[in-house]
Amino acid sequence: MVEDTETRTKGSRKGKNTQVRVDNNATSENEPEAINDETDGDTDSDSDFDDGDKQYNFRTLAKLLEPVPKLTSRNYHSWSAHVKSFLRSVPHAMKHLEGTYDKKHPKWSRSLDDALINALRGTIDTTGEHNVNYLVLDVIKEYLTFNQVWRKIENGLTNEATKTSHRLALISQLNDTKMFHSDARKLIQEIRSIQTESSLLGKPFADDTLFSALQKCTIWHPVYKETVATVHQIDFNALATALSIRQTAVESVPAQRTDPRQASARTAGNDDQNERAGETEAEADNSHASSRNASKPRRIRCWICKRPGHGISQCDALVTIPKDSPLAEPK
């Protein structure tokens, strides 16, 4: 080994390091020990996990899940899809959800698991009409992992009886849809949300059913009835597009942004006022004519000659009075 190695010293300055050149034909015994990639990989993964565990606590996870719609007995599938889409951005969260990391796994973190459970409970409706508070009460009875909590919720809301009830609830919800404040876009969004939930349930509504629900809410509306009449094909998307364009056109004119029902009421009120004003004017004209006739002097008319301007005593007409008349002078 000494023969294969040459030692050279550069310069004579104090403190200069000695460089060692090793011959390329050195034996394998002198080669440096190979690095264990698998060990380093595990070390890096643990380091990443520790960083993620510190970065995502209950507050950050609860903030992350704020946009998720509250879980009710009617929207499990859409709720589940929303939660999973957000948790995919959290390191190791999906491993906890799917059960890949359990209590026996070396990468399982109790603090992260507890934070995920508490954040998930914040997305559950416990007070509304269709709340699932009973699930929360069932979950807190015993200490469970995040995966076990998720499975309990899934099993409680996806059995056949629950699916049937959910389907009936969606049908009722679709039939009860209404449009408020002439907002067709919001109505369309609500119908599409119901369709999404029904699709996740595995039983989407037929297109003509969605079309009928949208048509029912707009066909008699003063702003949209003409638009509905122009759509001749039974297609939900075609009708939705036409109504959205109509709403945009109406909103672009400031004078038409008011509620058409209020505008109709104002128009009717103006018509009533105009009618009352016309009646008042007619009454005033009649009153004026009557007063004018009353102030006009009456002309005297003679009943003998029927001529105006004089009375009987002033009439010079020759009249023959019968002898037996009371007007005849006595002899």
C-alpha atoms as a PDB file:
ATOM      1  CA  MET A   1       0.000   0.000   0.000  1.00  0.00           C
ATOM      2  CA  VAL A   2       2.907   2.320   0.747  1.00  0.00           C
ATOM      3  CA  GLU A   3       4.374   1.592  -2.653  1.00  0.00           C
ATOM      4  CA  ASP A   4       1.107   2.509  -4.416  1.00  0.00           C
ATOM      5  CA  THR A   5       0.710   5.730  -2.551  1.00  0.00           C
ATOM      6  CA  GLU A   6       2.693   8.810  -3.265  1.00  0.00           C
ATOM      7  CA  THR A   7       2.846  11.630  -0.784  1.00  0.00           C
ATOM      8  CA  ARG A   8       3.536  15.145  -1.978  1.00  0.00           C
ATOM      9  CA  THR A   9       3.777  18.340  -0.054  1.00  0.00           C
ATOM     10  CA  LYS A  10       2.844  21.537  -1.860  1.00  0.00           C
ATOM     11  CA  GLY A  11       4.871  24.546  -0.919  1.00  0.00           C
ATOM     12  CA  SER A  12       6.762  24.999   2.274  1.00  0.00           C
ATOM     13  CA  ARG A  13       4.325  27.322   4.015  1.00  0.00           C
ATOM     14  CA  LYS A  14       3.338  26.338   7.490  1.00  0.00           C
ATOM     15  CA  GLY A  15      -0.142  24.944   7.874  1.00  0.00           C
ATOM     16  CA  LYS A  16      -0.461  23.685   4.272  1.00  0.00           C
ATOM     17  CA  ASN A  17      -2.357  20.359   4.138  1.00  0.00           C
ATOM     18  CA  THR A  18      -0.701  17.298   2.763  1.00  0.00           C
ATOM     19  CA  GLN A  19      -2.472  15.831  -0.264  1.00  0.00           C
ATOM     20  CA  VAL A  20      -2.621  12.070  -0.713  1.00  0.00           C
ATOM     21  CA  ARG A  21      -2.988  10.520  -4.142  1.00  0.00           C
ATOM     22  CA  VAL A  22      -4.316   6.975  -4.181  1.00  0.00           C
ATOM     23  CA  ASP A  23      -3.546   4.695  -7.070  1.00  0.00           C
ATOM     24  CA  ASN A  24      -6.589   3.644  -9.084  1.00  0.00           C
ATOM     25  CA  ASN A  25      -5.415   0.048  -8.954  1.00  0.00           C
ATOM     26  CA  ALA A  26      -5.831  -0.111  -5.221  1.00  0.00           C
ATOM     27  CA  THR A  27      -7.418  -3.251  -3.886  1.00  0.00           C
ATOM     28  CA  SER A  28     -11.072  -3.445  -2.922  1.00  0.00           C
ATOM     29  CA  GLU A  29     -10.023  -3.713   0.698  1.00  0.00           C
ATOM     30  CA  ASN A  30      -9.062  -0.075   0.620  1.00  0.00           C
ATOM     31  CA  GLU A  31     -12.269   1.148  -1.039  1.00  0.00           C
ATOM     32  CA  PRO A  32     -14.534   3.300   1.163  1.00  0.00           C
ATOM     33  CA  GLU A  33     -17.533   1.545   2.674  1.00  0.00           C
ATOM     34  CA  ALA A  34     -20.708   1.752   0.534  1.00  0.00           C
ATOM     35  CA  ILE A  35     -23.455   4.070   1.753  1.00  0.00           C
ATOM     36  CA  ASN A  36     -26.693   2.404   2.816  1.00  0.00           C
ATOM     37  CA  ASP A  37     -29.283   4.241   0.689  1.00  0.00           C
ATOM     38  CA  GLU A  38     -32.170   2.540   2.422  1.00  0.00           C
ATOM     39  CA  THR A  39     -31.056   3.723   5.835  1.00  0.00           C
ATOM     40  CA  ASP A  40     -30.597   7.287   4.645  1.00  0.00           C
ATOM     41  CA  GLY A  41     -33.966   7.190   2.957  1.00  0.00           C
ATOM     42  CA  ASP A  42     -35.632   6.214   6.198  1.00  0.00           C
ATOM     43  CA  THR A  43     -33.788   8.914   8.020  1.00  0.00           C
ATOM     44  CA  ASP A  44     -34.926  11.562   5.551  1.00  0.00           C
ATOM     45  CA  SER A  45     -38.500  10.309   5.735  1.00  0.00           C
ATOM     46  CA  ASP A  46     -38.463  10.486   9.530  1.00  0.00           C
ATOM     47  CA  SER A  47     -37.085  13.981   9.302  1.00  0.00           C
ATOM     48  CA  ASP A  48     -39.838  15.013   6.915  1.00  0.00           C
ATOM     49  CA  PHE A  49     -42.409  13.446   9.198  1.00  0.00           C
ATOM     50  CA  ASP A  50     -41.108  15.319  12.210  1.00  0.00           C
ATOM     51  CA  ASP A  51     -41.265  18.581  10.274  1.00  0.00           C
ATOM     52  CA  GLY A  52     -44.823  17.837   9.127  1.00  0.00           C
ATOM     53  CA  ASP A  53     -45.839  16.822  12.642  1.00  0.00           C
ATOM     54  CA  LYS A  54     -44.637  20.150  13.982  1.00  0.00           C
ATOM     55  CA  GLN A  55     -46.074  22.181  11.120  1.00  0.00           C
ATOM     56  CA  TYR A  56     -49.596  20.684  11.174  1.00  0.00           C
ATOM     57  CA  ASN A  57     -51.195  20.873  14.592  1.00  0.00           C
ATOM     58  CA  PHE A  58     -54.899  21.095  15.444  1.00  0.00           C
ATOM     59  CA  ARG A  59     -55.169  24.814  14.621  1.00  0.00           C
ATOM     60  CA  THR A  60     -53.523  24.561  11.217  1.00  0.00           C
ATOM     61  CA  LEU A  61     -55.542  21.468  10.306  1.00  0.00           C
ATOM     62  CA  ALA A  62     -58.809  23.057  11.450  1.00  0.00           C
ATOM     63  CA  LYS A  63     -57.974  26.128   9.357  1.00  0.00           C
ATOM     64  CA  LEU A  64     -57.197  23.905   6.380  1.00  0.00           C
ATOM     65  CA  LEU A  65     -60.563  22.117   6.647  1.00  0.00           C
ATOM     66  CA  GLU A  66     -62.650  25.279   7.104  1.00  0.00           C
ATOM     67  CA  PRO A  67     -63.956  25.291   3.468  1.00  0.00           C
ATOM     68  CA  VAL A  68     -65.271  21.726   3.814  1.00  0.00           C
ATOM     69  CA  PRO A  69     -69.104  21.633   3.965  1.00  0.00           C
ATOM     70  CA  LYS A  70     -70.462  20.396   7.287  1.00  0.00           C
ATOM     71  CA  LEU A  71     -71.184  16.679   7.315  1.00  0.00           C
ATOM     72  CA  THR A  72     -74.895  15.855   7.503  1.00  0.00           C
ATOM     73  CA  SER A  73     -76.912  12.719   6.924  1.00  0.00           C
ATOM     74  CA  ARG A  74     -77.375  13.824   3.297  1.00  0.00           C
ATOM     75  CA  ASN A  75     -73.911  14.704   1.988  1.00  0.00           C
ATOM     76  CA  TYR A  76     -71.404  12.082   3.122  1.00  0.00           C
ATOM     77  CA  HIS A  77     -69.931  11.419  -0.319  1.00  0.00           C
ATOM     78  CA  SER A  78     -69.217  15.028  -1.219  1.00  0.00           C
ATOM     79  CA  TRP A  79     -67.960  15.688   2.328  1.00  0.00           C
ATOM     80  CA  SER A  80     -65.597  12.713   2.105  1.00  0.00           C
ATOM     81  CA  ALA A  81     -64.236  13.863  -1.257  1.00  0.00           C
ATOM     82  CA  HIS A  82     -63.622  17.377   0.083  1.00  0.00           C
ATOM     83  CA  VAL A  83     -61.809  16.175   3.213  1.00  0.00           C
ATOM     84  CA  LYS A  84     -59.531  13.831   1.266  1.00  0.00           C
ATOM     85  CA  SER A  85     -58.660  16.511  -1.285  1.00  0.00           C
ATOM     86  CA  PHE A  86     -57.468  18.833   1.493  1.00  0.00           C
ATOM     87  CA  LEU A  87     -55.632  16.180   3.527  1.00  0.00           C
ATOM     88  CA  ARG A  88     -53.564  15.090   0.521  1.00  0.00           C
ATOM     89  CA  SER A  89     -51.545  18.274   0.987  1.00  0.00           C
ATOM     90  CA  VAL A  90     -50.611  17.276   4.559  1.00  0.00           C
ATOM     91  CA  PRO A  91     -47.588  14.942   4.865  1.00  0.00           C
ATOM     92  CA  HIS A  92     -48.528  11.480   6.174  1.00  0.00           C
ATOM     93  CA  ALA A  93     -52.177  12.469   6.784  1.00  0.00           C
ATOM     94  CA  MET A  94     -53.570  10.057   4.189  1.00  0.00           C
ATOM     95  CA  LYS A  95     -51.414   7.271   5.668  1.00  0.00           C
ATOM     96  CA  HIS A  96     -53.155   7.868   8.994  1.00  0.00           C
ATOM     97  CA  LEU A  97     -56.578   8.024   7.330  1.00  0.00           C
ATOM     98  CA  GLU A  98     -56.116   4.820   5.329  1.00  0.00           C
ATOM     99  CA  GLY A  99     -54.637   2.951   8.293  1.00  0.00           C
ATOM    100  CA  THR A 100     -51.231   2.422   6.688  1.00  0.00           C
ATOM    101  CA  TYR A 101     -49.752   4.002   9.808  1.00  0.00           C
ATOM    102  CA  ASP A 102     -51.223   2.387  12.916  1.00  0.00           C
ATOM    103  CA  LYS A 103     -50.079   2.438  16.523  1.00  0.00           C
ATOM    104  CA  LYS A 104     -47.483  -0.266  15.850  1.00  0.00           C
ATOM    105  CA  HIS A 105     -45.964   1.513  12.869  1.00  0.00           C
ATOM    106  CA  PRO A 106     -42.685   3.323  13.610  1.00  0.00           C
ATOM    107  CA  LYS A 107     -43.858   6.415  11.722  1.00  0.00           C
ATOM    108  CA  TRP A 108     -47.218   6.680  13.484  1.00  0.00           C
ATOM    109  CA  SER A 109     -47.545   9.954  15.410  1.00  0.00           C
ATOM    110  CA  ARG A 110     -49.985  10.238  18.288  1.00  0.00           C
ATOM    111  CA  SER A 111     -49.995  14.042  18.235  1.00  0.00           C
ATOM    112  CA  LEU A 112     -50.737  14.234  14.496  1.00  0.00           C
ATOM    113  CA  ASP A 113     -53.390  11.520  14.760  1.00  0.00           C
ATOM    114  CA  ASP A 114     -55.170  13.342  17.597  1.00  0.00           C
ATOM    115  CA  ALA A 115     -54.972  16.644  15.714  1.00  0.00           C
ATOM    116  CA  LEU A 116     -56.555  15.025  12.641  1.00  0.00           C
ATOM    117  CA  ILE A 117     -59.418  13.587  14.725  1.00  0.00           C
ATOM    118  CA  ASN A 118     -60.185  16.910  16.410  1.00  0.00           C
ATOM    119  CA  ALA A 119     -60.008  18.822  13.129  1.00  0.00           C
ATOM    120  CA  LEU A 120     -62.329  16.278  11.492  1.00  0.00           C
ATOM    121  CA  ARG A 121     -64.877  16.636  14.294  1.00  0.00           C
ATOM    122  CA  GLY A 122     -65.023  20.345  13.490  1.00  0.00           C
ATOM    123  CA  THR A 123     -66.435  19.507  10.037  1.00  0.00           C
ATOM    124  CA  ILE A 124     -69.420  17.557  11.421  1.00  0.00           C
ATOM    125  CA  ASP A 125     -72.836  19.198  11.769  1.00  0.00           C
ATOM    126  CA  THR A 126     -74.120  18.606  15.306  1.00  0.00           C
ATOM    127  CA  THR A 127     -76.997  21.102  15.495  1.00  0.00           C
ATOM    128  CA  GLY A 128     -78.710  21.329  12.085  1.00  0.00           C
ATOM    129  CA  GLU A 129     -81.873  19.651  10.885  1.00  0.00           C
ATOM    130  CA  HIS A 130     -79.935  16.730   9.375  1.00  0.00           C
ATOM    131  CA  ASN A 131     -77.119  16.598  11.942  1.00  0.00           C
ATOM    132  CA  VAL A 132     -75.106  13.469  12.732  1.00  0.00           C
ATOM    133  CA  ASN A 133     -74.319  14.294  16.340  1.00  0.00           C
ATOM    134  CA  TYR A 134     -74.863  10.647  17.254  1.00  0.00           C
ATOM    135  CA  LEU A 135     -71.716   9.793  15.297  1.00  0.00           C
ATOM    136  CA  VAL A 136     -69.655  12.237  17.342  1.00  0.00           C
ATOM    137  CA  LEU A 137     -71.023  10.789  20.574  1.00  0.00           C
ATOM    138  CA  ASP A 138     -70.174   7.296  19.344  1.00  0.00           C
ATOM    139  CA  VAL A 139     -66.642   8.318  18.408  1.00  0.00           C
ATOM    140  CA  ILE A 140     -65.743   9.922  21.747  1.00  0.00           C
ATOM    141  CA  LYS A 141     -66.862   6.916  23.794  1.00  0.00           C
ATOM    142  CA  GLU A 142     -63.464   5.249  23.413  1.00  0.00           C
ATOM    143  CA  TYR A 143     -59.994   6.166  22.288  1.00  0.00           C
ATOM    144  CA  LEU A 144     -59.773   5.526  18.556  1.00  0.00           C
ATOM    145  CA  THR A 145     -57.221   6.231  15.875  1.00  0.00           C
ATOM    146  CA  PHE A 146     -57.984   8.567  12.992  1.00  0.00           C
ATOM    147  CA  ASN A 147     -58.496   5.587  10.696  1.00  0.00           C
ATOM    148  CA  GLN A 148     -60.973   3.987  13.117  1.00  0.00           C
ATOM    149  CA  VAL A 149     -62.940   7.238  13.427  1.00  0.00           C
ATOM    150  CA  TRP A 150     -63.083   7.568   9.644  1.00  0.00           C
ATOM    151  CA  ARG A 151     -64.332   3.989   9.254  1.00  0.00           C
ATOM    152  CA  LYS A 152     -67.047   4.476  11.867  1.00  0.00           C
ATOM    153  CA  ILE A 153     -68.366   7.536  10.042  1.00  0.00           C
ATOM    154  CA  GLU A 154     -68.185   5.773   6.684  1.00  0.00           C
ATOM    155  CA  ASN A 155     -69.980   2.652   7.909  1.00  0.00           C
ATOM    156  CA  GLY A 156     -72.621   4.718   9.681  1.00  0.00           C
ATOM    157  CA  LEU A 157     -73.551   6.720   6.583  1.00  0.00           C
ATOM    158  CA  THR A 158     -73.048   4.310   3.671  1.00  0.00           C
ATOM    159  CA  ASN A 159     -75.184   1.287   4.539  1.00  0.00           C
ATOM    160  CA  GLU A 160     -78.072   0.447   2.211  1.00  0.00           C
ATOM    161  CA  ALA A 161     -80.781   1.917   4.415  1.00  0.00           C
ATOM    162  CA  THR A 162     -78.867   5.167   4.689  1.00  0.00           C
ATOM    163  CA  LYS A 163     -78.272   5.251   0.938  1.00  0.00           C
ATOM    164  CA  THR A 164     -81.975   4.816   0.234  1.00  0.00           C
ATOM    165  CA  SER A 165     -82.888   7.514   2.723  1.00  0.00           C
ATOM    166  CA  HIS A 166     -80.244   9.787   1.250  1.00  0.00           C
ATOM    167  CA  ARG A 167     -81.562   9.217  -2.263  1.00  0.00           C
ATOM    168  CA  LEU A 168     -85.118  10.085  -1.205  1.00  0.00           C
ATOM    169  CA  ALA A 169     -83.853  13.189   0.555  1.00  0.00           C
ATOM    170  CA  LEU A 170     -82.079  14.344  -2.616  1.00  0.00           C
ATOM    171  CA  ILE A 171     -85.255  13.826  -4.669  1.00  0.00           C
ATOM    172  CA  SER A 172     -87.216  15.918  -2.191  1.00  0.00           C
ATOM    173  CA  GLN A 173     -84.499  18.558  -2.161  1.00  0.00           C
ATOM    174  CA  LEU A 174     -84.528  18.789  -5.963  1.00  0.00           C
ATOM    175  CA  ASN A 175     -88.307  19.143  -6.054  1.00  0.00           C
ATOM    176  CA  ASP A 176     -88.202  21.908  -3.439  1.00  0.00           C
ATOM    177  CA  THR A 177     -85.611  24.069  -5.187  1.00  0.00           C
ATOM    178  CA  LYS A 178     -86.635  27.703  -5.624  1.00  0.00           C
ATOM    179  CA  MET A 179     -85.101  30.835  -7.075  1.00  0.00           C
ATOM    180  CA  PHE A 180     -84.648  33.878  -4.865  1.00  0.00           C
ATOM    181  CA  HIS A 181     -83.921  37.487  -5.882  1.00  0.00           C
ATOM    182  CA  SER A 182     -83.933  36.557  -9.596  1.00  0.00           C
ATOM    183  CA  ASP A 183     -80.568  34.810  -9.143  1.00  0.00           C
ATOM    184  CA  ALA A 184     -80.625  32.089 -11.799  1.00  0.00           C
ATOM    185  CA  ARG A 185     -76.932  31.301 -11.411  1.00  0.00           C
ATOM    186  CA  LYS A 186     -77.357  30.443  -7.727  1.00  0.00           C
ATOM    187  CA  LEU A 187     -80.310  28.205  -8.594  1.00  0.00           C
ATOM    188  CA  ILE A 188     -78.246  26.411 -11.251  1.00  0.00           C
ATOM    189  CA  GLN A 189     -75.406  25.941  -8.766  1.00  0.00           C
ATOM    190  CA  GLU A 190     -77.780  24.428  -6.213  1.00  0.00           C
ATOM    191  CA  ILE A 191     -79.202  21.948  -8.748  1.00  0.00           C
ATOM    192  CA  ARG A 192     -75.701  20.939  -9.863  1.00  0.00           C
ATOM    193  CA  SER A 193     -74.665  20.415  -6.246  1.00  0.00           C
ATOM    194  CA  ILE A 194     -77.606  18.047  -5.758  1.00  0.00           C
ATOM    195  CA  GLN A 195     -76.620  16.204  -8.944  1.00  0.00           C
ATOM    196  CA  THR A 196     -73.014  15.862  -7.728  1.00  0.00           C
ATOM    197  CA  GLU A 197     -74.156  14.368  -4.443  1.00  0.00           C
ATOM    198  CA  SER A 198     -76.460  11.978  -6.292  1.00  0.00           C
ATOM    199  CA  SER A 199     -73.633  10.940  -8.639  1.00  0.00           C
ATOM    200  CA  LEU A 200     -71.317  10.218  -5.706  1.00  0.00           C
ATOM    201  CA  LEU A 201     -74.106   8.087  -4.293  1.00  0.00           C
ATOM    202  CA  GLY A 202     -74.063   6.114  -7.544  1.00  0.00           C
ATOM    203  CA  LYS A 203     -77.538   7.167  -8.693  1.00  0.00           C
ATOM    204  CA  PRO A 204     -77.349  10.405 -10.705  1.00  0.00           C
ATOM    205  CA  PHE A 205     -80.536  12.138 -11.854  1.00  0.00           C
ATOM    206  CA  ALA A 206     -81.524  11.988 -15.513  1.00  0.00           C
ATOM    207  CA  ASP A 207     -80.849  15.135 -17.523  1.00  0.00           C
ATOM    208  CA  ASP A 208     -84.523  15.734 -18.261  1.00  0.00           C
ATOM    209  CA  THR A 209     -85.223  15.659 -14.498  1.00  0.00           C
ATOM    210  CA  LEU A 210     -82.689  18.420 -13.920  1.00  0.00           C
ATOM    211  CA  PHE A 211     -84.093  20.341 -16.898  1.00  0.00           C
ATOM    212  CA  SER A 212     -87.621  20.141 -15.503  1.00  0.00           C
ATOM    213  CA  ALA A 213     -86.488  21.353 -12.075  1.00  0.00           C
ATOM    214  CA  LEU A 214     -84.755  24.379 -13.601  1.00  0.00           C
ATOM    215  CA  GLN A 215     -87.583  25.118 -16.029  1.00  0.00           C
ATOM    216  CA  LYS A 216     -90.200  24.939 -13.269  1.00  0.00           C
ATOM    217  CA  CYS A 217     -88.479  27.722 -11.301  1.00  0.00           C
ATOM    218  CA  THR A 218     -87.994  30.104 -14.238  1.00  0.00           C
ATOM    219  CA  ILE A 219     -90.765  29.578 -16.792  1.00  0.00           C
ATOM    220  CA  TRP A 220     -93.162  32.073 -15.138  1.00  0.00           C
ATOM    221  CA  HIS A 221     -90.550  34.555 -13.992  1.00  0.00           C
ATOM    222  CA  PRO A 222     -90.923  37.970 -15.698  1.00  0.00           C
ATOM    223  CA  VAL A 223     -87.179  38.204 -16.393  1.00  0.00           C
ATOM    224  CA  TYR A 224     -86.576  34.672 -17.675  1.00  0.00           C
ATOM    225  CA  LYS A 225     -89.857  33.400 -19.142  1.00  0.00           C
ATOM    226  CA  GLU A 226     -89.009  34.586 -22.673  1.00  0.00           C
ATOM    227  CA  THR A 227     -85.555  32.993 -22.424  1.00  0.00           C
ATOM    228  CA  VAL A 228     -87.038  29.662 -21.329  1.00  0.00           C
ATOM    229  CA  ALA A 229     -89.437  29.781 -24.284  1.00  0.00           C
ATOM    230  CA  THR A 230     -86.531  30.107 -26.739  1.00  0.00           C
ATOM    231  CA  VAL A 231     -84.828  26.887 -25.539  1.00  0.00           C
ATOM    232  CA  HIS A 232     -86.508  24.136 -27.542  1.00  0.00           C
ATOM    233  CA  GLN A 233     -84.232  21.218 -26.659  1.00  0.00           C
ATOM    234  CA  ILE A 234     -84.615  19.379 -23.373  1.00  0.00           C
ATOM    235  CA  ASP A 235     -81.046  19.896 -22.196  1.00  0.00           C
ATOM    236  CA  PHE A 236     -80.144  21.143 -18.726  1.00  0.00           C
ATOM    237  CA  ASN A 237     -76.805  22.665 -19.738  1.00  0.00           C
ATOM    238  CA  ALA A 238     -78.359  24.497 -22.693  1.00  0.00           C
ATOM    239  CA  LEU A 239     -81.057  26.031 -20.505  1.00  0.00           C
ATOM    240  CA  ALA A 240     -78.557  26.864 -17.762  1.00  0.00           C
ATOM    241  CA  THR A 241     -76.293  28.637 -20.253  1.00  0.00           C
ATOM    242  CA  ALA A 242     -79.181  30.652 -21.719  1.00  0.00           C
ATOM    243  CA  LEU A 243     -80.383  31.733 -18.266  1.00  0.00           C
ATOM    244  CA  SER A 244     -76.875  32.718 -17.175  1.00  0.00           C
ATOM    245  CA  ILE A 245     -76.436  34.857 -20.286  1.00  0.00           C
ATOM    246  CA  ARG A 246     -79.810  36.497 -19.661  1.00  0.00           C
ATOM    247  CA  GLN A 247     -78.906  37.276 -16.046  1.00  0.00           C
ATOM    248  CA  THR A 248     -75.597  38.805 -17.119  1.00  0.00           C
ATOM    249  CA  ALA A 249     -77.408  40.983 -19.660  1.00  0.00           C
ATOM    250  CA  VAL A 250     -79.915  42.160 -17.047  1.00  0.00           C
ATOM    251  CA  GLU A 251     -77.204  42.925 -14.493  1.00  0.00           C
ATOM    252  CA  SER A 252     -75.259  44.968 -17.037  1.00  0.00           C
ATOM    253  CA  VAL A 253     -78.104  47.524 -17.130  1.00  0.00           C
ATOM    254  CA  PRO A 254     -78.310  49.335 -13.757  1.00  0.00           C
ATOM    255  CA  ALA A 255     -81.982  50.211 -14.197  1.00  0.00           C
ATOM    256  CA  GLN A 256     -82.865  46.493 -14.485  1.00  0.00           C
ATOM    257  CA  ARG A 257     -80.996  45.284 -11.427  1.00  0.00           C
ATOM    258  CA  THR A 258     -84.042  45.709  -9.194  1.00  0.00           C
ATOM    259  CA  ASP A 259     -86.333  42.834  -8.420  1.00  0.00           C
ATOM    260  CA  PRO A 260     -88.804  42.576 -11.344  1.00  0.00           C
ATOM    261  CA  ARG A 261     -91.609  41.803  -8.910  1.00  0.00           C
ATOM    262  CA  GLN A 262     -90.972  45.093  -7.160  1.00  0.00           C
ATOM    263  CA  ALA A 263     -90.783  46.817 -10.524  1.00  0.00           C
ATOM    264  CA  SER A 264     -94.132  45.308 -11.475  1.00  0.00           C
ATOM    265  CA  ALA A 265     -95.600  46.496  -8.195  1.00  0.00           C
ATOM    266  CA  ARG A 266     -94.267  49.970  -8.817  1.00  0.00           C
ATOM    267  CA  THR A 267     -95.712  49.958 -12.337  1.00  0.00           C
ATOM    268  CA  ALA A 268     -99.096  48.828 -11.054  1.00  0.00           C
ATOM    269  CA  GLY A 269     -98.957  51.528  -8.395  1.00  0.00           C
ATOM    270  CA  ASN A 270     -98.176  54.162 -10.992  1.00  0.00           C
ATOM    271  CA  ASP A 271    -101.076  52.971 -13.142  1.00  0.00           C
ATOM    272  CA  ASP A 272    -103.439  53.232 -10.172  1.00  0.00           C
ATOM    273  CA  GLN A 273    -102.194  56.705  -9.417  1.00  0.00           C
ATOM    274  CA  ASN A 274    -102.679  57.733 -13.041  1.00  0.00           C
ATOM    275  CA  GLU A 275    -106.235  56.364 -13.026  1.00  0.00           C
ATOM    276  CA  ARG A 276    -107.048  58.200  -9.819  1.00  0.00           C
ATOM    277  CA  ALA A 277    -105.515  61.366 -11.226  1.00  0.00           C
ATOM    278  CA  GLY A 278    -107.643  61.021 -14.381  1.00  0.00           C
ATOM    279  CA  GLU A 279    -110.792  60.524 -12.332  1.00  0.00           C
ATOM    280  CA  THR A 280    -109.966  63.576 -10.233  1.00  0.00           C
ATOM    281  CA  GLU A 281    -109.421  65.693 -13.327  1.00  0.00           C
ATOM    282  CA  ALA A 282    -112.750  64.529 -14.825  1.00  0.00           C
ATOM    283  CA  GLU A 283    -114.574  65.336 -11.604  1.00  0.00           C
ATOM    284  CA  ALA A 284    -112.946  68.750 -11.520  1.00  0.00           C
ATOM    285  CA  ASP A 285    -114.050  69.453 -15.110  1.00  0.00           C
ATOM    286  CA  ASN A 286    -117.630  68.439 -14.353  1.00  0.00           C
ATOM    287  CA  SER A 287    -117.670  70.561 -11.221  1.00  0.00           C
ATOM    288  CA  HIS A 288    -116.319  73.533 -13.133  1.00  0.00           C
ATOM    289  CA  ALA A 289    -118.952  73.140 -15.846  1.00  0.00           C
ATOM    290  CA  SER A 290    -121.726  72.932 -13.275  1.00  0.00           C
ATOM    291  CA  SER A 291    -120.568  76.045 -11.461  1.00  0.00           C
ATOM    292  CA  ARG A 292    -120.314  77.873 -14.754  1.00  0.00           C
ATOM    293  CA  ASN A 293    -123.867  76.944 -15.655  1.00  0.00           C
ATOM    294  CA  ALA A 294    -125.101  77.908 -12.211  1.00  0.00           C
ATOM    295  CA  SER A 295    -123.592  81.388 -12.403  1.00  0.00           C
ATOM    296  CA  LYS A 296    -125.058  81.987 -15.857  1.00  0.00           C
ATOM    297  CA  PRO A 297    -128.361  84.114 -15.667  1.00  0.00           C
ATOM    298  CA  ARG A 298    -131.537  82.313 -16.702  1.00  0.00           C
ATOM    299  CA  ARG A 299    -133.393  83.893 -19.643  1.00  0.00           C
ATOM    300  CA  ILE A 300    -137.172  84.534 -19.269  1.00  0.00           C
ATOM    301  CA  ARG A 301    -139.350  82.693 -21.743  1.00  0.00           C
ATOM    302  CA  CYS A 302    -142.973  83.569 -22.475  1.00  0.00           C
ATOM    303  CA  TRP A 303    -145.196  80.519 -22.280  1.00  0.00           C
ATOM    304  CA  ILE A 304    -147.766  82.102 -24.625  1.00  0.00           C
ATOM    305  CA  CYS A 305    -145.596  82.816 -27.636  1.00  0.00           C
ATOM    306  CA  LYS A 306    -142.744  80.637 -26.470  1.00  0.00           C
ATOM    307  CA  ARG A 307    -140.286  83.404 -27.190  1.00  0.00           C
ATOM    308  CA  PRO A 308    -137.498  84.291 -24.791  1.00  0.00           C
ATOM    309  CA  GLY A 309    -136.886  87.767 -23.399  1.00  0.00           C
ATOM    310  CA  HIS A 310    -140.318  88.706 -22.010  1.00  0.00           C
ATOM    311  CA  GLY A 311    -143.072  87.503 -19.773  1.00  0.00           C
ATOM    312  CA  ILE A 312    -146.822  87.054 -20.217  1.00  0.00           C
ATOM    313  CA  SER A 313    -147.652  90.643 -19.288  1.00  0.00           C
ATOM    314  CA  GLN A 314    -145.331  91.954 -21.946  1.00  0.00           C
ATOM    315  CA  CYS A 315    -146.460  89.634 -24.702  1.00  0.00           C
ATOM    316  CA  ASP A 316    -148.326  91.342 -27.555  1.00  0.00           C
ATOM    317  CA  ALA A 317    -149.496  88.189 -29.204  1.00  0.00           C
ATOM    318  CA  LEU A 318    -153.204  87.864 -29.882  1.00  0.00           C
ATOM    319  CA  VAL A 319    -154.653  85.054 -27.909  1.00  0.00           C
ATOM    320  CA  THR A 320    -158.285  84.017 -27.855  1.00  0.00           C
ATOM    321  CA  ILE A 321    -159.365  83.110 -24.342  1.00  0.00           C
ATOM    322  CA  PRO A 322    -162.395  80.841 -24.042  1.00  0.00           C
ATOM    323  CA  LYS A 323    -165.353  82.249 -22.109  1.00  0.00           C
ATOM    324  CA  ASP A 324    -165.309  79.506 -19.525  1.00  0.00           C
ATOM    325  CA  SER A 325    -161.565  79.945 -18.885  1.00  0.00           C
ATOM    326  CA  PRO A 326    -160.563  81.211 -15.453  1.00  0.00           C
ATOM    327  CA  LEU A 327    -158.508  83.826 -17.244  1.00  0.00           C
ATOM    328  CA  ALA A 328    -161.575  85.420 -18.852  1.00  0.00           C
ATOM    329  CA  GLU A 329    -162.476  88.766 -17.374  1.00  0.00           C
ATOM    330  CA  PRO A 330    -165.881  88.885 -15.624  1.00  0.00           C
ATOM    331  CA  LYS A 331    -168.577  91.070 -17.176  1.00  0.00           C
END
